[in-house]
Amino acid sequence: SASASASSPSVELAPGDALSGEMSTADAAAVLVEALRRPESVNATFSAAPRSSSSPPPAAAAGAGLDDEWLKLVGPEIYRRPLEAVTPHEAASWLREFARQLLRPGQGLPTPVTVADLPDGVLLRFVTTGYGYDSYEKEEARGAEDKWAEGGERARGNPDGALRLLAESEPSARLRVARAEMAPGTLVKETSEELLLRRLAKGIDELEAAARRSR
């Protein structure tokens, strides 16, 4: 049935046109039916395909099915990886520290950000103008270390989109990054996102490697 196919772990979704492949008629029909009734698909562009052997395993929680696949469209999601050697709580604490490093002189992204803690991670909010780190010398004179340690809440400029960095325990232990606050006309910060994800992946690799060595 369509409902049975719609919960099948054999299908995966992705924002945009990232996926391709031949789907069965039943799976294709099920995805179309789900798209008509799900709020996640409103104003979203997505692709669907049979799950490849290289894709992360589907959510193991009972009944999760494609619910977790449709979650990728919220934001949309731009990064996902399982947590294997650290707990979501440990990862969430690390994410907050990681985000605050972006406020240090010389460590920021091409687009300035502010930082706000979330229960399961951190929110990086892009701003249209700098938050005060024009140069290391200027910031030294103004006490830059004190400012970045406070979390960057006093940023100057207008909010211009955001990223949520989340460490989740359900439906499985994992780390996700999703866009947020994407009002009409908000531009994707591609260069900043790419740099952030590279640093994030490297940092999580190192965090989990250290956790494994300590066991």
N, C-alpha and C. Protein backbone atom coordinates (compact mmCIF):
# COMPACT_ATOMS: atom_id res chain seq x y z
N SER A 1 0.85 -1.19 0.00
CA SER A 1 0.00 0.00 0.00
C SER A 1 0.88 1.24 0.00
N ALA A 2 0.27 2.39 -0.30
CA ALA A 2 1.04 3.63 -0.30
C ALA A 2 1.55 3.93 1.08
N SER A 3 0.72 3.71 2.13
CA SER A 3 1.17 4.03 3.47
C SER A 3 2.32 3.14 3.89
N ALA A 4 2.30 1.89 3.46
CA ALA A 4 3.39 1.00 3.81
C ALA A 4 4.67 1.41 3.10
N SER A 5 4.55 1.77 1.82
CA SER A 5 5.72 2.20 1.08
C SER A 5 6.27 3.49 1.62
N ALA A 6 5.39 4.37 2.08
CA ALA A 6 5.82 5.67 2.57
C ALA A 6 6.67 5.55 3.82
N SER A 7 6.56 4.45 4.56
CA SER A 7 7.36 4.26 5.76
C SER A 7 8.54 3.35 5.51
N SER A 8 8.78 3.03 4.25
CA SER A 8 9.85 2.10 3.91
C SER A 8 11.21 2.74 4.06
N PRO A 9 12.17 2.06 4.72
CA PRO A 9 13.52 2.60 4.82
C PRO A 9 14.31 2.47 3.53
N SER A 10 13.69 1.91 2.48
CA SER A 10 14.40 1.73 1.21
C SER A 10 14.44 3.00 0.39
N VAL A 11 13.73 4.05 0.81
CA VAL A 11 13.67 5.31 0.09
C VAL A 11 14.34 6.40 0.93
N GLU A 12 15.09 7.27 0.26
CA GLU A 12 15.66 8.42 0.96
C GLU A 12 15.31 9.70 0.23
N LEU A 13 15.27 10.79 0.99
CA LEU A 13 14.98 12.11 0.45
C LEU A 13 16.17 13.02 0.67
N ALA A 14 16.25 14.08 -0.13
CA ALA A 14 17.29 15.09 0.03
C ALA A 14 16.77 16.42 -0.50
N PRO A 15 17.14 17.53 0.14
CA PRO A 15 16.77 18.83 -0.40
C PRO A 15 17.37 19.04 -1.78
N GLY A 16 16.68 19.79 -2.64
CA GLY A 16 17.19 20.07 -3.97
C GLY A 16 17.16 18.85 -4.87
N ASP A 17 18.06 18.81 -5.84
CA ASP A 17 18.08 17.72 -6.81
C ASP A 17 19.30 16.82 -6.62
N ALA A 18 19.69 16.62 -5.36
CA ALA A 18 20.92 15.87 -5.07
C ALA A 18 20.81 14.39 -5.41
N LEU A 19 19.59 13.83 -5.44
CA LEU A 19 19.42 12.39 -5.63
C LEU A 19 18.91 12.07 -7.03
N SER A 20 19.26 10.90 -7.49
CA SER A 20 18.72 10.39 -8.76
C SER A 20 18.73 8.87 -8.69
N GLY A 21 17.92 8.25 -9.53
CA GLY A 21 17.85 6.79 -9.55
C GLY A 21 16.44 6.33 -9.86
N GLU A 22 16.30 5.09 -10.22
CA GLU A 22 15.01 4.53 -10.58
C GLU A 22 14.29 4.02 -9.32
N MET A 23 13.05 4.47 -9.15
CA MET A 23 12.24 4.04 -8.02
C MET A 23 11.11 3.16 -8.52
N SER A 24 10.63 2.31 -7.66
CA SER A 24 9.46 1.51 -8.01
C SER A 24 8.24 2.42 -8.09
N THR A 25 7.25 1.99 -8.83
CA THR A 25 6.02 2.78 -8.96
C THR A 25 5.37 2.98 -7.60
N ALA A 26 5.38 1.94 -6.77
CA ALA A 26 4.75 2.03 -5.45
C ALA A 26 5.45 3.05 -4.57
N ASP A 27 6.79 3.03 -4.57
CA ASP A 27 7.52 3.98 -3.74
C ASP A 27 7.34 5.41 -4.24
N ALA A 28 7.38 5.60 -5.56
CA ALA A 28 7.20 6.94 -6.12
C ALA A 28 5.82 7.49 -5.80
N ALA A 29 4.80 6.64 -5.91
CA ALA A 29 3.44 7.08 -5.60
C ALA A 29 3.31 7.42 -4.12
N ALA A 30 3.95 6.62 -3.27
CA ALA A 30 3.87 6.87 -1.83
C ALA A 30 4.51 8.20 -1.48
N VAL A 31 5.66 8.52 -2.07
CA VAL A 31 6.33 9.78 -1.79
C VAL A 31 5.47 10.95 -2.25
N LEU A 32 4.83 10.83 -3.42
CA LEU A 32 3.97 11.90 -3.91
C LEU A 32 2.78 12.12 -2.99
N VAL A 33 2.18 11.03 -2.52
CA VAL A 33 1.04 11.16 -1.60
C VAL A 33 1.49 11.85 -0.31
N GLU A 34 2.63 11.43 0.22
CA GLU A 34 3.15 12.03 1.44
C GLU A 34 3.44 13.52 1.23
N ALA A 35 3.98 13.87 0.06
CA ALA A 35 4.32 15.27 -0.20
C ALA A 35 3.08 16.15 -0.17
N LEU A 36 1.95 15.62 -0.58
CA LEU A 36 0.72 16.40 -0.61
C LEU A 36 0.16 16.67 0.79
N ARG A 37 0.52 15.82 1.74
CA ARG A 37 -0.08 15.98 3.06
C ARG A 37 0.88 16.48 4.13
N ARG A 38 2.15 16.53 3.83
CA ARG A 38 3.13 16.88 4.85
C ARG A 38 3.49 18.37 4.80
N PRO A 39 3.49 19.03 5.97
CA PRO A 39 3.87 20.45 6.00
C PRO A 39 5.33 20.67 5.62
N GLU A 40 6.19 19.67 5.83
CA GLU A 40 7.61 19.83 5.50
C GLU A 40 7.83 20.08 4.01
N SER A 41 6.91 19.63 3.17
CA SER A 41 7.10 19.75 1.72
C SER A 41 6.62 21.09 1.16
N VAL A 42 5.94 21.90 1.99
CA VAL A 42 5.42 23.18 1.51
C VAL A 42 6.59 24.10 1.14
N ASN A 43 6.58 24.61 -0.08
CA ASN A 43 7.63 25.50 -0.59
C ASN A 43 9.01 24.87 -0.57
N ALA A 44 9.07 23.54 -0.54
CA ALA A 44 10.36 22.85 -0.51
C ALA A 44 10.62 22.19 -1.86
N THR A 45 11.87 22.20 -2.27
CA THR A 45 12.31 21.46 -3.44
C THR A 45 13.12 20.26 -2.95
N PHE A 46 12.75 19.06 -3.41
CA PHE A 46 13.45 17.88 -2.92
C PHE A 46 13.49 16.80 -3.98
N SER A 47 14.35 15.85 -3.76
CA SER A 47 14.46 14.69 -4.64
C SER A 47 14.34 13.42 -3.80
N ALA A 48 13.93 12.34 -4.46
CA ALA A 48 13.78 11.05 -3.78
C ALA A 48 14.41 9.97 -4.64
N ALA A 49 14.95 8.96 -3.98
CA ALA A 49 15.61 7.88 -4.71
C ALA A 49 15.70 6.66 -3.81
N PRO A 50 15.94 5.49 -4.39
CA PRO A 50 16.20 4.31 -3.56
C PRO A 50 17.43 4.57 -2.68
N ARG A 51 17.39 4.09 -1.47
CA ARG A 51 18.51 4.30 -0.57
C ARG A 51 19.73 3.54 -1.07
N SER A 52 20.83 4.27 -1.20
CA SER A 52 22.06 3.64 -1.69
C SER A 52 22.83 3.01 -0.54
N SER A 53 23.73 2.12 -0.88
CA SER A 53 24.52 1.42 0.13
C SER A 53 25.45 2.36 0.87
N SER A 54 25.78 3.51 0.26
CA SER A 54 26.69 4.46 0.89
C SER A 54 25.97 5.47 1.78
N SER A 55 24.63 5.45 1.77
CA SER A 55 23.86 6.40 2.59
C SER A 55 23.89 5.97 4.05
N PRO A 56 23.79 6.95 4.97
CA PRO A 56 23.69 6.58 6.39
C PRO A 56 22.48 5.69 6.60
N PRO A 57 22.54 4.76 7.56
CA PRO A 57 21.40 3.88 7.80
C PRO A 57 20.18 4.66 8.23
N PRO A 58 18.97 4.19 7.90
CA PRO A 58 17.76 4.90 8.30
C PRO A 58 17.59 4.88 9.79
N ALA A 59 16.77 5.80 10.30
CA ALA A 59 16.52 5.86 11.73
C ALA A 59 16.00 4.52 12.23
N ALA A 60 16.56 4.09 13.36
CA ALA A 60 16.21 2.78 13.87
C ALA A 60 14.97 2.79 14.75
N ALA A 61 14.54 3.97 15.16
CA ALA A 61 13.40 4.03 16.07
C ALA A 61 12.15 3.47 15.40
N ALA A 62 11.39 2.73 16.16
CA ALA A 62 10.18 2.11 15.63
C ALA A 62 9.22 3.18 15.14
N GLY A 63 8.73 3.01 13.93
CA GLY A 63 7.75 3.94 13.39
C GLY A 63 8.33 5.20 12.80
N ALA A 64 9.67 5.36 12.85
CA ALA A 64 10.26 6.58 12.32
C ALA A 64 10.05 6.65 10.81
N GLY A 65 10.35 5.54 10.11
CA GLY A 65 10.11 5.47 8.68
C GLY A 65 10.62 6.69 7.95
N LEU A 66 9.77 7.23 7.06
CA LEU A 66 10.16 8.40 6.29
C LEU A 66 10.01 9.71 7.06
N ASP A 67 9.45 9.64 8.28
CA ASP A 67 9.35 10.88 9.06
C ASP A 67 10.71 11.54 9.16
N ASP A 68 11.73 10.74 9.40
CA ASP A 68 13.07 11.28 9.55
C ASP A 68 13.63 11.76 8.22
N GLU A 69 13.19 11.17 7.13
CA GLU A 69 13.61 11.65 5.82
C GLU A 69 12.99 13.02 5.52
N TRP A 70 11.72 13.19 5.84
CA TRP A 70 11.05 14.47 5.59
C TRP A 70 11.64 15.57 6.46
N LEU A 71 12.19 15.21 7.61
CA LEU A 71 12.82 16.21 8.48
C LEU A 71 13.96 16.92 7.77
N LYS A 72 14.58 16.26 6.80
CA LYS A 72 15.68 16.88 6.05
C LYS A 72 15.24 18.14 5.31
N LEU A 73 13.96 18.28 5.03
CA LEU A 73 13.46 19.43 4.27
C LEU A 73 13.22 20.64 5.17
N VAL A 74 13.24 20.44 6.48
CA VAL A 74 13.00 21.55 7.40
C VAL A 74 14.29 22.34 7.56
N GLY A 75 14.31 23.52 7.05
CA GLY A 75 15.50 24.36 7.10
C GLY A 75 15.93 24.88 5.73
N PRO A 76 16.46 24.01 4.84
CA PRO A 76 16.59 22.56 4.96
C PRO A 76 17.85 22.14 5.71
N GLU A 77 17.93 20.85 5.96
CA GLU A 77 19.11 20.27 6.58
C GLU A 77 20.26 20.25 5.57
N ILE A 78 21.47 20.56 6.04
CA ILE A 78 22.62 20.57 5.14
C ILE A 78 23.72 19.61 5.59
N TYR A 79 23.56 18.97 6.74
CA TYR A 79 24.59 18.05 7.23
C TYR A 79 23.98 17.10 8.25
N ARG A 80 24.44 15.85 8.18
CA ARG A 80 23.96 14.84 9.14
C ARG A 80 25.03 13.75 9.25
N ARG A 81 25.32 13.33 10.48
CA ARG A 81 26.25 12.23 10.69
C ARG A 81 25.93 11.57 12.01
N PRO A 82 26.15 10.26 12.12
CA PRO A 82 25.91 9.57 13.39
C PRO A 82 26.99 9.91 14.40
N LEU A 83 26.63 9.84 15.67
CA LEU A 83 27.59 9.96 16.77
C LEU A 83 27.89 8.56 17.27
N GLU A 84 29.15 8.19 17.28
CA GLU A 84 29.52 6.82 17.60
C GLU A 84 30.30 6.69 18.89
N ALA A 85 31.12 7.68 19.22
CA ALA A 85 32.00 7.54 20.38
C ALA A 85 31.72 8.56 21.49
N VAL A 86 30.85 9.54 21.23
CA VAL A 86 30.47 10.51 22.25
C VAL A 86 28.96 10.55 22.35
N THR A 87 28.45 10.96 23.49
CA THR A 87 27.01 11.06 23.69
C THR A 87 26.49 12.37 23.10
N PRO A 88 25.19 12.44 22.80
CA PRO A 88 24.63 13.71 22.33
C PRO A 88 24.86 14.85 23.31
N HIS A 89 24.80 14.56 24.61
CA HIS A 89 25.05 15.61 25.61
C HIS A 89 26.47 16.14 25.49
N GLU A 90 27.44 15.24 25.35
CA GLU A 90 28.82 15.66 25.18
C GLU A 90 29.00 16.44 23.88
N ALA A 91 28.35 15.97 22.83
CA ALA A 91 28.47 16.65 21.55
C ALA A 91 27.84 18.04 21.58
N ALA A 92 26.71 18.19 22.29
CA ALA A 92 26.05 19.49 22.38
C ALA A 92 26.95 20.49 23.11
N SER A 93 27.61 20.06 24.17
CA SER A 93 28.53 20.94 24.88
C SER A 93 29.69 21.35 23.98
N TRP A 94 30.20 20.38 23.23
CA TRP A 94 31.30 20.67 22.31
C TRP A 94 30.85 21.66 21.22
N LEU A 95 29.63 21.51 20.71
CA LEU A 95 29.13 22.42 19.68
C LEU A 95 29.09 23.86 20.18
N ARG A 96 28.73 24.06 21.43
CA ARG A 96 28.68 25.42 21.97
C ARG A 96 30.08 26.02 22.05
N GLU A 97 31.05 25.21 22.44
CA GLU A 97 32.43 25.68 22.48
C GLU A 97 32.95 25.95 21.06
N PHE A 98 32.62 25.04 20.16
CA PHE A 98 33.03 25.19 18.75
C PHE A 98 32.48 26.50 18.18
N ALA A 99 31.22 26.79 18.44
CA ALA A 99 30.59 28.00 17.90
C ALA A 99 31.26 29.25 18.44
N ARG A 100 31.61 29.25 19.70
CA ARG A 100 32.22 30.44 20.29
C ARG A 100 33.64 30.68 19.77
N GLN A 101 34.28 29.63 19.29
CA GLN A 101 35.58 29.84 18.66
C GLN A 101 35.46 30.70 17.41
N LEU A 102 34.29 30.66 16.76
CA LEU A 102 34.08 31.45 15.55
C LEU A 102 34.02 32.94 15.84
N LEU A 103 33.89 33.31 17.11
CA LEU A 103 33.84 34.72 17.50
C LEU A 103 35.21 35.28 17.82
N ARG A 104 36.22 34.43 17.84
CA ARG A 104 37.56 34.89 18.17
C ARG A 104 38.19 35.60 16.97
N PRO A 105 39.04 36.57 17.25
CA PRO A 105 39.72 37.26 16.15
C PRO A 105 40.49 36.28 15.26
N GLY A 106 40.26 36.40 13.96
CA GLY A 106 40.96 35.54 13.02
C GLY A 106 40.37 34.16 12.84
N GLN A 107 39.32 33.82 13.58
CA GLN A 107 38.73 32.48 13.50
C GLN A 107 37.32 32.49 12.93
N GLY A 108 36.84 33.65 12.52
CA GLY A 108 35.46 33.76 12.09
C GLY A 108 35.20 33.24 10.69
N LEU A 109 33.94 33.31 10.30
CA LEU A 109 33.50 32.93 8.96
C LEU A 109 33.47 34.17 8.06
N PRO A 110 33.40 33.97 6.74
CA PRO A 110 33.30 35.14 5.85
C PRO A 110 32.11 36.03 6.17
N THR A 111 30.99 35.44 6.57
CA THR A 111 29.84 36.21 7.03
C THR A 111 29.82 36.19 8.55
N PRO A 112 29.82 37.34 9.22
CA PRO A 112 29.84 37.37 10.68
C PRO A 112 28.63 36.66 11.28
N VAL A 113 28.80 36.17 12.50
CA VAL A 113 27.73 35.45 13.19
C VAL A 113 27.62 35.91 14.63
N THR A 114 26.46 35.66 15.20
CA THR A 114 26.28 35.69 16.65
C THR A 114 25.96 34.27 17.09
N VAL A 115 26.04 34.03 18.39
CA VAL A 115 25.86 32.69 18.94
C VAL A 115 24.79 32.72 20.02
N ALA A 116 23.89 31.75 19.97
CA ALA A 116 22.88 31.57 21.02
C ALA A 116 22.75 30.09 21.33
N ASP A 117 22.80 29.74 22.60
CA ASP A 117 22.70 28.34 22.98
C ASP A 117 21.28 27.82 22.78
N LEU A 118 21.18 26.56 22.36
CA LEU A 118 19.93 25.82 22.27
C LEU A 118 20.00 24.65 23.24
N PRO A 119 18.86 24.08 23.64
CA PRO A 119 18.90 22.94 24.56
C PRO A 119 19.75 21.78 24.06
N ASP A 120 19.77 21.57 22.75
CA ASP A 120 20.51 20.44 22.19
C ASP A 120 21.63 20.88 21.26
N GLY A 121 22.12 22.11 21.43
CA GLY A 121 23.19 22.56 20.57
C GLY A 121 23.34 24.07 20.59
N VAL A 122 23.41 24.67 19.41
CA VAL A 122 23.68 26.10 19.32
C VAL A 122 23.08 26.66 18.03
N LEU A 123 22.73 27.94 18.06
CA LEU A 123 22.24 28.65 16.89
C LEU A 123 23.28 29.67 16.47
N LEU A 124 23.73 29.57 15.23
CA LEU A 124 24.59 30.58 14.63
C LEU A 124 23.74 31.48 13.77
N ARG A 125 23.67 32.75 14.12
CA ARG A 125 22.83 33.68 13.37
C ARG A 125 23.74 34.61 12.56
N PHE A 126 23.59 34.57 11.24
CA PHE A 126 24.37 35.46 10.38
C PHE A 126 23.86 36.89 10.52
N VAL A 127 24.78 37.84 10.43
CA VAL A 127 24.40 39.26 10.48
C VAL A 127 25.00 39.96 9.26
N THR A 128 24.35 41.03 8.85
CA THR A 128 24.71 41.67 7.59
C THR A 128 25.93 42.55 7.71
N THR A 129 26.32 42.93 8.93
CA THR A 129 27.53 43.71 9.12
C THR A 129 28.36 43.07 10.21
N GLY A 130 29.61 43.48 10.34
CA GLY A 130 30.53 42.87 11.29
C GLY A 130 30.11 43.06 12.72
N TYR A 131 30.65 42.20 13.57
CA TYR A 131 30.32 42.28 14.98
C TYR A 131 31.49 42.82 15.79
N GLY A 132 32.44 43.51 15.11
CA GLY A 132 33.44 44.22 15.89
C GLY A 132 34.84 43.71 15.74
N TYR A 133 35.10 42.69 14.93
CA TYR A 133 36.44 42.16 14.81
C TYR A 133 37.05 42.57 13.48
N ASP A 134 37.27 43.89 13.31
CA ASP A 134 37.81 44.40 12.07
C ASP A 134 39.27 43.98 11.89
N SER A 135 40.01 43.94 12.97
CA SER A 135 41.39 43.49 12.93
C SER A 135 41.78 43.07 14.32
N TYR A 136 42.80 42.25 14.41
CA TYR A 136 43.25 41.77 15.71
C TYR A 136 43.74 42.94 16.57
N GLU A 137 44.47 43.88 15.95
CA GLU A 137 45.02 44.99 16.70
C GLU A 137 43.92 45.85 17.32
N LYS A 138 42.89 46.15 16.50
CA LYS A 138 41.79 46.96 17.02
C LYS A 138 41.08 46.25 18.16
N GLU A 139 40.89 44.95 18.02
CA GLU A 139 40.15 44.22 19.04
C GLU A 139 40.96 44.06 20.32
N GLU A 140 42.27 43.95 20.18
CA GLU A 140 43.11 43.89 21.37
C GLU A 140 42.92 45.15 22.20
N ALA A 141 42.84 46.27 21.53
CA ALA A 141 42.68 47.54 22.23
C ALA A 141 41.33 47.64 22.92
N ARG A 142 40.33 46.91 22.38
CA ARG A 142 38.98 46.98 22.94
C ARG A 142 38.66 45.80 23.83
N GLY A 143 39.62 44.94 24.11
CA GLY A 143 39.35 43.79 24.95
C GLY A 143 38.58 42.71 24.22
N ALA A 144 39.07 42.29 23.08
CA ALA A 144 38.33 41.33 22.25
C ALA A 144 38.10 40.01 22.96
N GLU A 145 39.08 39.55 23.74
CA GLU A 145 38.93 38.25 24.40
C GLU A 145 37.72 38.25 25.32
N ASP A 146 37.50 39.35 26.02
CA ASP A 146 36.34 39.42 26.90
C ASP A 146 35.04 39.38 26.11
N LYS A 147 35.04 40.01 24.94
CA LYS A 147 33.81 40.07 24.14
C LYS A 147 33.43 38.73 23.55
N TRP A 148 34.42 38.01 22.97
CA TRP A 148 34.05 36.74 22.37
C TRP A 148 33.67 35.72 23.44
N ALA A 149 34.26 35.81 24.62
CA ALA A 149 33.95 34.87 25.68
C ALA A 149 32.51 35.01 26.15
N GLU A 150 31.94 36.21 25.98
CA GLU A 150 30.56 36.43 26.38
C GLU A 150 29.57 35.88 25.38
N GLY A 151 30.03 35.39 24.24
CA GLY A 151 29.15 34.73 23.30
C GLY A 151 28.70 35.55 22.12
N GLY A 152 29.15 36.78 21.99
CA GLY A 152 28.83 37.56 20.81
C GLY A 152 27.40 38.07 20.76
N GLU A 153 26.72 38.16 21.94
CA GLU A 153 25.33 38.57 21.91
C GLU A 153 25.16 40.03 21.50
N ARG A 154 26.23 40.83 21.61
CA ARG A 154 26.10 42.26 21.31
C ARG A 154 26.50 42.57 19.87
N ALA A 155 26.20 41.66 18.99
CA ALA A 155 26.57 41.86 17.58
C ALA A 155 25.85 43.06 17.00
N ARG A 156 26.54 43.72 16.08
CA ARG A 156 25.92 44.81 15.35
C ARG A 156 25.47 44.30 13.98
N GLY A 157 24.37 44.85 13.48
CA GLY A 157 23.89 44.45 12.18
C GLY A 157 22.55 43.75 12.26
N ASN A 158 21.99 43.45 11.10
CA ASN A 158 20.67 42.83 11.04
C ASN A 158 20.80 41.32 10.83
N PRO A 159 19.94 40.52 11.49
CA PRO A 159 19.96 39.07 11.27
C PRO A 159 19.72 38.76 9.80
N ASP A 160 20.41 37.75 9.28
CA ASP A 160 20.33 37.43 7.86
C ASP A 160 20.45 35.92 7.66
N GLY A 161 19.51 35.18 8.27
CA GLY A 161 19.55 33.74 8.19
C GLY A 161 20.37 33.16 9.32
N ALA A 162 20.24 31.85 9.53
CA ALA A 162 20.92 31.21 10.66
C ALA A 162 21.15 29.74 10.36
N LEU A 163 21.95 29.11 11.20
CA LEU A 163 22.17 27.67 11.16
C LEU A 163 21.97 27.11 12.56
N ARG A 164 21.26 26.00 12.63
CA ARG A 164 21.10 25.27 13.89
C ARG A 164 22.05 24.08 13.87
N LEU A 165 22.93 24.01 14.85
CA LEU A 165 23.85 22.89 15.02
C LEU A 165 23.34 22.07 16.19
N LEU A 166 22.88 20.86 15.91
CA LEU A 166 22.15 20.07 16.89
C LEU A 166 22.80 18.71 17.13
N ALA A 167 22.84 18.32 18.39
CA ALA A 167 23.25 16.97 18.77
C ALA A 167 22.01 16.27 19.34
N GLU A 168 21.51 15.27 18.64
CA GLU A 168 20.23 14.65 18.97
C GLU A 168 20.40 13.21 19.45
N SER A 169 19.51 12.81 20.34
CA SER A 169 19.51 11.42 20.82
C SER A 169 18.43 10.58 20.16
N GLU A 170 17.42 11.22 19.58
CA GLU A 170 16.32 10.52 18.92
C GLU A 170 16.17 11.01 17.48
N PRO A 171 15.88 10.12 16.56
CA PRO A 171 15.66 8.68 16.71
C PRO A 171 16.94 7.87 16.87
N SER A 172 18.10 8.55 16.75
CA SER A 172 19.39 7.90 16.99
C SER A 172 20.38 8.99 17.34
N ALA A 173 21.48 8.60 17.98
CA ALA A 173 22.50 9.58 18.35
C ALA A 173 23.16 10.12 17.09
N ARG A 174 23.10 11.44 16.90
CA ARG A 174 23.62 12.01 15.67
C ARG A 174 23.82 13.51 15.83
N LEU A 175 24.49 14.08 14.84
CA LEU A 175 24.69 15.51 14.73
C LEU A 175 24.04 15.98 13.44
N ARG A 176 23.30 17.08 13.52
CA ARG A 176 22.66 17.64 12.32
C ARG A 176 22.91 19.15 12.26
N VAL A 177 22.97 19.67 11.04
CA VAL A 177 23.02 21.11 10.82
C VAL A 177 21.90 21.45 9.84
N ALA A 178 21.09 22.43 10.20
CA ALA A 178 19.98 22.85 9.35
C ALA A 178 19.91 24.37 9.31
N ARG A 179 19.52 24.88 8.17
CA ARG A 179 19.30 26.32 8.06
C ARG A 179 18.07 26.71 8.86
N ALA A 180 18.03 27.97 9.26
CA ALA A 180 16.91 28.49 10.03
C ALA A 180 16.75 29.98 9.71
N GLU A 181 15.58 30.50 10.04
CA GLU A 181 15.29 31.93 9.88
C GLU A 181 15.54 32.40 8.45
N MET A 182 15.17 31.54 7.50
CA MET A 182 15.39 31.86 6.08
C MET A 182 14.16 32.59 5.53
N ALA A 183 14.04 33.85 5.87
CA ALA A 183 12.94 34.66 5.37
C ALA A 183 13.08 34.85 3.86
N PRO A 184 11.97 35.15 3.16
CA PRO A 184 12.06 35.39 1.72
C PRO A 184 13.12 36.43 1.40
N GLY A 185 13.96 36.13 0.43
CA GLY A 185 15.02 37.04 0.05
C GLY A 185 16.35 36.81 0.76
N THR A 186 16.35 35.96 1.78
CA THR A 186 17.59 35.66 2.49
C THR A 186 18.49 34.80 1.61
N LEU A 187 19.72 35.22 1.43
CA LEU A 187 20.66 34.49 0.58
C LEU A 187 21.38 33.41 1.39
N VAL A 188 21.61 32.28 0.75
CA VAL A 188 22.39 31.22 1.37
C VAL A 188 23.85 31.65 1.43
N LYS A 189 24.47 31.49 2.57
CA LYS A 189 25.88 31.87 2.76
C LYS A 189 26.75 30.66 2.41
N GLU A 190 26.88 30.37 1.12
CA GLU A 190 27.52 29.14 0.68
C GLU A 190 28.96 29.03 1.16
N THR A 191 29.73 30.08 1.01
CA THR A 191 31.14 30.02 1.41
C THR A 191 31.27 29.80 2.91
N SER A 192 30.49 30.52 3.69
CA SER A 192 30.54 30.35 5.15
C SER A 192 30.07 28.96 5.55
N GLU A 193 29.02 28.46 4.91
CA GLU A 193 28.53 27.13 5.23
C GLU A 193 29.58 26.06 4.92
N GLU A 194 30.21 26.17 3.76
CA GLU A 194 31.20 25.17 3.38
C GLU A 194 32.37 25.16 4.36
N LEU A 195 32.84 26.33 4.73
CA LEU A 195 33.95 26.42 5.68
C LEU A 195 33.53 25.88 7.04
N LEU A 196 32.35 26.23 7.48
CA LEU A 196 31.85 25.75 8.77
C LEU A 196 31.77 24.22 8.78
N LEU A 197 31.20 23.64 7.74
CA LEU A 197 31.02 22.19 7.72
C LEU A 197 32.36 21.46 7.68
N ARG A 198 33.34 22.02 6.98
CA ARG A 198 34.67 21.40 6.98
C ARG A 198 35.27 21.41 8.38
N ARG A 199 35.19 22.55 9.05
CA ARG A 199 35.71 22.64 10.41
C ARG A 199 34.94 21.73 11.36
N LEU A 200 33.64 21.70 11.18
CA LEU A 200 32.80 20.88 12.05
C LEU A 200 33.13 19.40 11.90
N ALA A 201 33.22 18.93 10.67
CA ALA A 201 33.53 17.52 10.43
C ALA A 201 34.90 17.16 11.01
N LYS A 202 35.88 18.01 10.81
CA LYS A 202 37.22 17.77 11.35
C LYS A 202 37.19 17.74 12.87
N GLY A 203 36.46 18.70 13.45
CA GLY A 203 36.39 18.76 14.91
C GLY A 203 35.71 17.56 15.52
N ILE A 204 34.61 17.11 14.92
CA ILE A 204 33.90 15.94 15.45
C ILE A 204 34.76 14.69 15.28
N ASP A 205 35.46 14.58 14.16
CA ASP A 205 36.38 13.45 13.97
C ASP A 205 37.40 13.40 15.10
N GLU A 206 37.97 14.56 15.42
CA GLU A 206 38.98 14.62 16.48
C GLU A 206 38.37 14.34 17.85
N LEU A 207 37.16 14.84 18.08
CA LEU A 207 36.49 14.61 19.36
C LEU A 207 36.22 13.13 19.58
N GLU A 208 35.71 12.46 18.55
CA GLU A 208 35.40 11.05 18.69
C GLU A 208 36.67 10.20 18.76
N ALA A 209 37.69 10.59 18.04
CA ALA A 209 38.96 9.88 18.11
C ALA A 209 39.54 9.96 19.53
N ALA A 210 39.46 11.14 20.13
CA ALA A 210 39.97 11.30 21.50
C ALA A 210 39.15 10.47 22.47
N ALA A 211 37.82 10.41 22.25
CA ALA A 211 36.97 9.61 23.12
C ALA A 211 37.30 8.13 23.03
N ARG A 212 37.59 7.66 21.84
CA ARG A 212 37.96 6.26 21.66
C ARG A 212 39.29 5.94 22.34
N ARG A 213 40.25 6.86 22.24
CA ARG A 213 41.56 6.61 22.85
C ARG A 213 41.47 6.58 24.36
N SER A 214 40.51 7.31 24.93
CA SER A 214 40.40 7.38 26.38
C SER A 214 39.73 6.18 27.00
N ARG A 215 39.18 5.32 26.18
CA ARG A 215 38.46 4.15 26.70
C ARG A 215 39.41 3.01 27.04
